[in-house]
Protein backbone atom coordinates (compact mmCIF):
# COMPACT_ATOMS: atom_id res chain seq x y z
CA UNK A 1 -52.69 5.75 -146.65
CA UNK A 2 -53.58 7.81 -143.56
CA UNK A 3 -55.76 10.80 -144.42
CA UNK A 4 -55.66 14.38 -143.18
CA UNK A 5 -59.09 15.90 -142.55
CA UNK A 6 -60.59 18.92 -140.82
CA UNK A 7 -62.07 18.40 -137.38
CA UNK A 8 -63.18 20.13 -134.16
CA UNK A 9 -60.86 19.49 -131.23
CA UNK A 10 -60.94 20.52 -127.56
CA UNK A 11 -57.27 21.03 -126.77
CA UNK A 12 -57.52 22.00 -123.10
CA UNK A 13 -60.12 22.19 -120.34
CA UNK A 14 -62.54 25.06 -120.67
CA UNK A 15 -60.91 26.59 -123.73
CA UNK A 16 -62.88 27.31 -126.93
CA UNK A 17 -62.78 24.48 -129.44
CA UNK A 18 -60.43 24.62 -132.42
CA UNK A 19 -60.98 23.64 -136.04
CA UNK A 20 -57.77 21.94 -137.07
CA UNK A 21 -56.31 19.16 -139.22
CA UNK A 22 -56.19 15.64 -137.82
CA UNK A 23 -54.83 12.36 -139.15
CA UNK A 24 -57.17 9.40 -139.65
CA UNK A 25 -55.26 6.11 -140.02
CA UNK A 26 -56.14 3.33 -142.40
CA UNK A 27 -58.66 1.02 -140.72
CA UNK A 28 -57.23 -2.02 -138.97
CA UNK A 29 -58.96 -5.34 -138.29
CA UNK A 30 -62.62 -4.79 -137.47
CA UNK A 31 -62.39 -1.03 -138.11
CA UNK A 32 -63.94 1.24 -140.73
CA UNK A 33 -63.51 4.82 -141.86
CA UNK A 34 -66.79 6.71 -142.17
CA UNK A 35 -67.22 9.89 -144.20
CA UNK A 36 -69.29 11.99 -141.83
CA UNK A 37 -72.23 13.78 -143.45
CA UNK A 38 -73.79 15.39 -140.37
CA UNK A 39 -73.26 15.48 -136.60
CA UNK A 40 -75.44 16.99 -133.89
CA UNK A 41 -74.03 19.25 -131.17
CA UNK A 42 -74.91 17.44 -127.94
CA UNK A 43 -74.53 18.69 -124.37
CA UNK A 44 -72.16 15.78 -123.75
CA UNK A 45 -69.67 17.41 -126.13
CA UNK A 46 -69.73 20.50 -123.94
CA UNK A 47 -69.16 18.30 -120.87
CA UNK A 48 -66.05 16.92 -122.59
CA UNK A 49 -64.77 20.42 -123.39
CA UNK A 50 -65.29 21.47 -119.78
CA UNK A 51 -63.43 18.43 -118.42
CA UNK A 52 -66.60 17.09 -116.82
CA UNK A 53 -66.20 13.56 -118.18
CA UNK A 54 -62.46 12.91 -118.14
CA UNK A 55 -59.14 14.72 -118.33
CA UNK A 56 -57.85 12.89 -121.42
CA UNK A 57 -57.32 16.00 -123.54
CA UNK A 58 -57.17 16.66 -126.43
CA UNK A 59 -60.64 15.44 -127.34
CA UNK A 60 -62.02 14.93 -130.82
CA UNK A 61 -65.60 16.02 -130.20
CA UNK A 62 -68.86 14.94 -131.82
CA UNK A 63 -70.73 11.65 -131.56
CA UNK A 64 -74.32 12.15 -132.80
CA UNK A 65 -73.59 11.41 -136.42
CA UNK A 66 -74.54 9.80 -139.71
CA UNK A 67 -72.48 9.17 -142.80
CA UNK A 68 -71.22 6.76 -145.44
CA UNK A 69 -68.84 3.85 -144.91
CA UNK A 70 -65.77 4.65 -146.99
CA UNK A 71 -63.01 2.14 -146.18
CA UNK A 72 -63.02 -1.30 -144.55
CA UNK A 73 -60.37 -2.94 -142.40
CA UNK A 74 -59.47 -6.61 -142.46
CA UNK A 75 -62.26 -9.00 -141.50
CA UNK A 76 -65.10 -6.47 -141.58
CA UNK A 77 -68.38 -8.19 -142.41
CA UNK A 78 -70.97 -6.05 -140.63
CA UNK A 79 -71.01 -3.24 -143.22
CA UNK A 80 -69.95 -2.61 -146.80
CA UNK A 81 -68.45 0.39 -148.57
CA UNK A 82 -71.20 2.87 -149.38
CA UNK A 83 -73.56 1.86 -146.57
CA UNK A 84 -75.42 4.76 -144.93
CA UNK A 85 -74.98 4.41 -141.17
CA UNK A 86 -75.76 6.08 -137.88
CA UNK A 87 -72.85 5.86 -135.46
CA UNK A 88 -73.51 4.38 -132.04
CA UNK A 89 -71.50 4.25 -128.82
CA UNK A 90 -72.86 0.92 -127.64
CA UNK A 91 -71.46 -1.66 -130.04
CA UNK A 92 -72.66 -4.76 -128.21
CA UNK A 93 -69.91 -7.33 -127.63
CA UNK A 94 -72.12 -10.42 -127.17
CA UNK A 95 -69.69 -11.92 -124.65
CA UNK A 96 -69.73 -9.88 -121.41
CA UNK A 97 -71.77 -10.95 -118.39
CA UNK A 98 -74.67 -8.65 -119.36
CA UNK A 99 -74.81 -10.00 -122.90
CA UNK A 100 -74.55 -13.62 -121.70
CA UNK A 101 -77.52 -13.04 -119.39
CA UNK A 102 -79.65 -11.76 -122.26
CA UNK A 103 -79.35 -8.06 -121.37
CA UNK A 104 -77.21 -6.72 -124.21
CA UNK A 105 -78.54 -3.17 -123.73
CA UNK A 106 -76.34 -3.10 -120.60
CA UNK A 107 -73.25 -4.39 -122.47
CA UNK A 108 -70.22 -3.72 -120.27
CA UNK A 109 -67.57 -4.27 -122.94
CA UNK A 110 -68.62 -2.34 -126.01
CA UNK A 111 -66.34 -2.10 -129.03
CA UNK A 112 -64.30 0.94 -130.11
CA UNK A 113 -61.59 1.39 -132.73
CA UNK A 114 -58.24 0.08 -131.46
CA UNK A 115 -56.17 2.71 -133.29
CA UNK A 116 -56.03 6.38 -132.38
CA UNK A 117 -56.67 9.35 -134.59
CA UNK A 118 -54.05 12.06 -133.99
CA UNK A 119 -53.11 15.66 -134.43
CA UNK A 120 -50.58 16.33 -137.19
CA UNK A 121 -47.74 16.19 -134.66
CA UNK A 122 -48.75 12.68 -133.62
CA UNK A 123 -50.56 13.58 -130.39
CA UNK A 124 -53.26 10.96 -129.80
CA UNK A 125 -56.86 12.20 -129.68
CA UNK A 126 -59.57 10.93 -127.33
CA UNK A 127 -62.74 10.56 -129.43
CA UNK A 128 -65.94 11.61 -127.65
CA UNK A 129 -67.85 8.47 -126.63
CA UNK A 130 -65.45 6.48 -128.79
CA UNK A 131 -66.66 8.20 -131.98
CA UNK A 132 -65.26 11.70 -132.61
CA UNK A 133 -67.48 12.86 -135.48
CA UNK A 134 -67.00 16.62 -135.71
CA UNK A 135 -64.69 15.64 -138.53
CA UNK A 136 -64.87 15.09 -142.25
CA UNK A 137 -63.98 11.44 -141.61
CA UNK A 138 -63.69 9.32 -138.50
CA UNK A 139 -62.38 5.87 -137.52
CA UNK A 140 -64.72 3.55 -135.62
CA UNK A 141 -65.26 -0.13 -134.93
CA UNK A 142 -67.56 -1.81 -137.44
CA UNK A 143 -70.03 -2.56 -134.63
CA UNK A 144 -70.46 1.18 -134.08
CA UNK A 145 -72.09 1.48 -137.51
CA UNK A 146 -75.84 0.88 -137.70
CA UNK A 147 -77.31 0.69 -141.18
CA UNK A 148 -80.56 2.58 -141.77
CA UNK A 149 -82.70 3.72 -144.71
CA UNK A 150 -80.25 5.46 -147.08
CA UNK A 151 -82.88 7.96 -148.22
CA UNK A 152 -83.01 9.56 -144.76
CA UNK A 153 -81.66 13.08 -144.25
CA UNK A 154 -78.31 12.67 -142.40
CA UNK A 155 -78.83 15.84 -140.36
CA UNK A 156 -81.89 14.35 -138.69
CA UNK A 157 -80.90 10.68 -138.77
CA UNK A 158 -77.65 11.30 -136.91
CA UNK A 159 -79.56 12.61 -133.89
CA UNK A 160 -80.84 9.10 -133.27
CA UNK A 161 -77.24 8.21 -132.37
CA UNK A 162 -77.46 9.87 -128.95
CA UNK A 163 -79.96 12.40 -127.58
CA UNK A 164 -83.09 11.28 -129.40
CA UNK A 165 -82.42 7.63 -128.62
CA UNK A 166 -81.67 8.43 -124.97
CA UNK A 167 -84.99 10.22 -124.47
CA UNK A 168 -87.16 7.92 -126.56
CA UNK A 169 -85.61 4.85 -124.96
CA UNK A 170 -86.05 6.21 -121.43
CA UNK A 171 -89.80 6.18 -122.06
CA UNK A 172 -90.18 3.11 -124.26
CA UNK A 173 -87.43 0.80 -122.98
CA UNK A 174 -86.44 1.85 -119.47
CA UNK A 175 -89.68 2.92 -117.78
CA UNK A 176 -91.33 1.32 -119.79
CA UNK A 177 -94.44 3.42 -120.44
CA UNK A 178 -97.47 1.26 -121.17
CA UNK A 179 -100.84 2.02 -122.74
CA UNK A 180 -102.98 4.20 -120.49
CA UNK A 181 -100.13 5.48 -118.29
CA UNK A 182 -99.82 9.05 -117.10
CA UNK A 183 -96.33 10.43 -117.69
CA UNK A 184 -94.41 13.58 -116.77
CA UNK A 185 -91.13 14.67 -118.36
CA UNK A 186 -88.97 17.21 -116.53
CA UNK A 187 -86.73 19.17 -118.91
CA UNK A 188 -87.92 19.75 -122.46
CA UNK A 189 -84.75 20.02 -124.50
CA UNK A 190 -83.89 17.44 -127.14
CA UNK A 191 -83.76 14.47 -124.76
CA UNK A 192 -86.93 15.46 -122.94
CA UNK A 193 -88.91 16.05 -126.11
CA UNK A 194 -87.79 12.67 -127.43
CA UNK A 195 -89.05 11.12 -124.16
CA UNK A 196 -92.39 12.88 -124.71
CA UNK A 197 -92.62 11.50 -128.24
CA UNK A 198 -91.71 8.04 -126.96
CA UNK A 199 -94.37 8.17 -124.25
CA UNK A 200 -96.99 9.16 -126.82
CA UNK A 201 -95.88 6.31 -129.10
CA UNK A 202 -96.14 3.85 -126.20
CA UNK A 203 -99.76 4.82 -125.60
CA UNK A 204 -99.65 7.20 -122.62
CA UNK A 205 -103.04 8.84 -122.11
CA UNK A 206 -101.53 11.96 -120.54
CA UNK A 207 -98.06 13.44 -121.01
CA UNK A 208 -97.10 16.43 -118.89
CA UNK A 209 -94.12 18.59 -119.89
CA UNK A 210 -92.20 20.45 -117.17
CA UNK A 211 -89.70 23.23 -117.89
CA UNK A 212 -88.80 26.77 -116.83
CA UNK A 213 -88.96 28.14 -120.38
CA UNK A 214 -92.36 28.76 -122.02
CA UNK A 215 -90.74 28.45 -125.44
CA UNK A 216 -89.63 24.90 -124.62
CA UNK A 217 -93.08 24.07 -123.28
CA UNK A 218 -94.51 25.14 -126.63
CA UNK A 219 -92.07 22.81 -128.39
CA UNK A 220 -93.08 20.02 -126.02
CA UNK A 221 -96.70 20.31 -127.10
CA UNK A 222 -95.56 19.90 -130.71
CA UNK A 223 -94.09 16.51 -129.73
CA UNK A 224 -97.34 15.42 -128.08
CA UNK A 225 -97.45 16.82 -124.53
CA UNK A 226 -101.06 17.18 -123.36
CA UNK A 227 -100.30 19.50 -120.43
CA UNK A 228 -97.47 21.81 -119.37
CA UNK A 229 -96.03 23.05 -116.09
CA UNK A 230 -93.75 26.07 -115.82
CA UNK A 231 -91.34 25.20 -113.01
CA UNK A 232 -90.42 28.85 -112.59
CA UNK A 233 -93.91 29.92 -111.58
CA UNK A 234 -95.56 26.70 -110.35
CA UNK A 235 -94.73 24.20 -107.60
CA UNK A 236 -93.89 21.16 -109.68
CA UNK A 237 -94.83 18.27 -107.39
CA UNK A 238 -98.14 19.80 -106.32
CA UNK A 239 -99.06 20.70 -109.89
CA UNK A 240 -98.25 17.23 -111.24
CA UNK A 241 -100.46 15.68 -108.60
CA UNK A 242 -103.24 18.14 -109.37
CA UNK A 243 -103.09 17.32 -113.07
CA UNK A 244 -103.33 13.57 -112.35
CA UNK A 245 -106.30 13.54 -110.04
CA UNK A 246 -104.27 14.06 -106.87
CA UNK A 247 -102.14 10.93 -107.11
CA UNK A 248 -99.17 11.80 -109.35
CA UNK A 249 -98.04 10.35 -112.69
CA UNK A 250 -97.33 6.66 -113.17
CA UNK A 251 -93.94 7.56 -114.68
CA UNK A 252 -91.80 10.66 -114.19
CA UNK A 253 -88.72 11.06 -116.40
CA UNK A 254 -85.98 13.47 -115.33
CA UNK A 255 -84.21 14.71 -118.46
CA UNK A 256 -82.24 17.36 -116.53
CA UNK A 257 -80.22 15.34 -114.04
CA UNK A 258 -79.98 17.74 -111.09
CA UNK A 259 -80.67 16.80 -107.46
CA UNK A 260 -83.63 19.19 -107.45
CA UNK A 261 -85.29 17.79 -110.55
CA UNK A 262 -84.72 14.18 -109.55
CA UNK A 263 -86.22 14.88 -106.14
CA UNK A 264 -89.27 16.27 -107.95
CA UNK A 265 -89.46 13.10 -110.06
CA UNK A 266 -89.10 10.89 -106.99
CA UNK A 267 -91.75 12.76 -104.99
CA UNK A 268 -94.28 13.46 -107.74
CA UNK A 269 -94.83 9.91 -109.02
CA UNK A 270 -97.82 7.91 -107.85
CA UNK A 271 -97.45 5.27 -105.15
CA UNK A 272 -95.60 2.34 -106.72
CA UNK A 273 -94.80 4.63 -109.67
CA UNK A 274 -91.52 4.86 -111.56
CA UNK A 275 -88.89 7.61 -111.57
CA UNK A 276 -86.38 7.49 -114.45
CA UNK A 277 -83.13 9.47 -114.56
CA UNK A 278 -81.89 10.07 -118.11
CA UNK A 279 -80.38 13.56 -117.74
CA UNK A 280 -76.64 13.28 -117.07
CA UNK A 281 -75.75 14.68 -113.61
CA UNK A 282 -72.49 16.40 -112.77
CA UNK A 283 -69.94 14.14 -111.02
CA UNK A 284 -70.46 16.00 -107.73
CA UNK A 285 -74.27 16.01 -107.74
CA UNK A 286 -75.80 14.10 -104.81
CA UNK A 287 -79.32 12.89 -104.11
CA UNK A 288 -80.25 12.14 -100.53
CA UNK A 289 -83.53 10.69 -99.35
CA UNK A 290 -84.59 8.97 -96.10
CA UNK A 291 -84.83 5.22 -96.69
CA UNK A 292 -88.32 5.17 -95.19
CA UNK A 293 -89.43 7.29 -98.16
CA UNK A 294 -87.95 4.75 -100.56
CA UNK A 295 -89.71 1.93 -98.73
CA UNK A 296 -92.97 3.77 -98.22
CA UNK A 297 -93.31 5.11 -101.74
CA UNK A 298 -92.60 1.77 -103.39
CA UNK A 299 -92.27 1.48 -107.13
CA UNK A 300 -89.01 1.79 -108.99
CA UNK A 301 -86.16 4.25 -109.33
CA UNK A 302 -84.20 3.68 -112.53
CA UNK A 303 -81.35 5.18 -114.52
CA UNK A 304 -81.53 5.00 -118.29
CA UNK A 305 -78.25 4.25 -120.09
CA UNK A 306 -78.51 5.36 -123.71
CA UNK A 307 -82.24 4.71 -123.49
CA UNK A 308 -81.41 1.05 -122.75
CA UNK A 309 -81.33 0.67 -126.51
CA UNK A 310 -80.09 -1.92 -128.93
CA UNK A 311 -78.86 0.15 -131.88
CA UNK A 312 -79.44 -2.60 -134.45
CA UNK A 313 -83.06 -2.85 -133.33
CA UNK A 314 -83.96 0.69 -132.34
CA UNK A 315 -82.13 2.98 -134.79
CA UNK A 316 -83.80 1.57 -137.93
CA UNK A 317 -87.15 1.59 -136.11
CA UNK A 318 -86.96 5.31 -135.30
CA UNK A 319 -85.85 6.20 -138.83
CA UNK A 320 -88.67 4.09 -140.30
CA UNK A 321 -91.26 5.73 -138.01
CA UNK A 322 -89.98 9.11 -139.16
CA UNK A 323 -90.16 8.12 -142.83
CA UNK A 324 -93.74 6.94 -142.23
CA UNK A 325 -94.73 10.28 -140.70
CA UNK A 326 -95.22 8.78 -137.23
CA UNK A 327 -92.29 10.50 -135.48
CA UNK A 328 -91.20 14.09 -136.12
CA UNK A 329 -87.45 13.43 -136.02
CA UNK A 330 -86.65 16.32 -138.35
CA UNK A 331 -88.27 18.75 -135.89
CA UNK A 332 -85.25 18.34 -133.59
CA UNK A 333 -83.00 20.04 -136.16
CA UNK A 334 -83.05 23.72 -135.19
CA UNK A 335 -80.19 24.87 -137.44
CA UNK A 336 -77.52 23.52 -139.78
CA UNK A 337 -74.01 24.86 -139.26
CA UNK A 338 -70.43 24.42 -140.46
CA UNK A 339 -67.55 22.96 -138.44
CA UNK A 340 -66.50 26.41 -137.32
CA UNK A 341 -69.94 26.99 -135.79
CA UNK A 342 -69.62 24.49 -132.93
CA UNK A 343 -68.45 27.00 -130.32
CA UNK A 344 -71.36 29.27 -131.19
CA UNK A 345 -73.71 26.29 -130.94
CA UNK A 346 -72.51 25.72 -127.36
CA UNK A 347 -73.53 29.31 -126.58
CA UNK A 348 -76.99 28.77 -128.08
CA UNK A 349 -77.31 25.59 -126.05
CA UNK A 350 -76.78 27.62 -122.85
CA UNK A 351 -79.37 30.15 -123.99
CA UNK A 352 -81.93 27.42 -124.65
CA UNK A 353 -82.67 28.69 -128.14
CA UNK A 354 -82.22 25.40 -130.00
CA UNK A 355 -83.13 21.75 -129.71
CA UNK A 356 -80.16 20.73 -131.84
CA UNK A 357 -77.59 22.54 -133.91
CA UNK A 358 -76.30 20.12 -136.54
CA UNK A 359 -72.91 20.31 -138.23
CA UNK A 360 -73.35 19.50 -141.92
CA UNK A 361 -70.23 18.36 -143.74
CA UNK A 362 -71.41 17.64 -147.27
CA UNK A 363 -74.32 18.29 -149.60
CA UNK A 364 -75.93 14.97 -148.84
CA UNK A 365 -76.48 16.21 -145.30
CA UNK A 366 -77.86 19.64 -146.29
């Protein structure tokens, strides 16, 4: 039978979110219902609320989540009832042109649940990134469930499902950082700090954190940054070159996604160096550069999609590294809140006072 559960919904563009009752249908073929234990409040959720991603309101927000598989639809073989999973928004299809060419991290035809969750009046909801996990339960495709160590704290583990994976993967998969590289990361929120941790893991000999907030620069050092640059008081490009012997870092990762910060990343890198864009830009943001500068600087300019990850490979790895004490995943959890705290978490996000607020929905995630 369809179930009624509490959830956080964005009903209209720019309006505060609402905690309301939604209807979760029984899972159909290839679908599962997951009892959500914890879900991080990501900046992408705010983009949805502001209409910056699409106009398909109402949205069921939340996508950075972990929980327990509760009900299986027909033909589900990937997971079993009771499995502890992190939800992912790149359920690789195995059949699209990217997958056929051996590049599944670019999969162009990822799976989502075919059915819609709805408001009580039957209005269809658009789940954020095909997940919609600011809810006591959510409906997803079985391929969106990645099994990990069931002893992991859901509040931290769920963060691997988006921001942490995006940052870590930008350094480890997209760049990729190699042993002995010099690396700079512009923007030291959750994604940027994960990129710093990934660069350290990959063997970078120097990792420079860039931000306008001294508090965030302090956090960046806790994740392994060797040097810091305050962009409010220092000229970023000149300072990055100074810190790297006058040549610039081998890799510069932009975790902000503004034209200004990406220009800094493009200009600051060493000759033949790599600039990686992982921060999500606004739809109207534009980056202009004379082609002679592209040709003359050489190297690579890359965008990182979800950290170019493979969830089945990378999610368990990050959780295992955390469990082994080699990656401080739990340090990203700044506070644990209830469903009705999401709007307040958006405010704290603007203020820069948290890495991640995490909605906790049951005791297992507390």
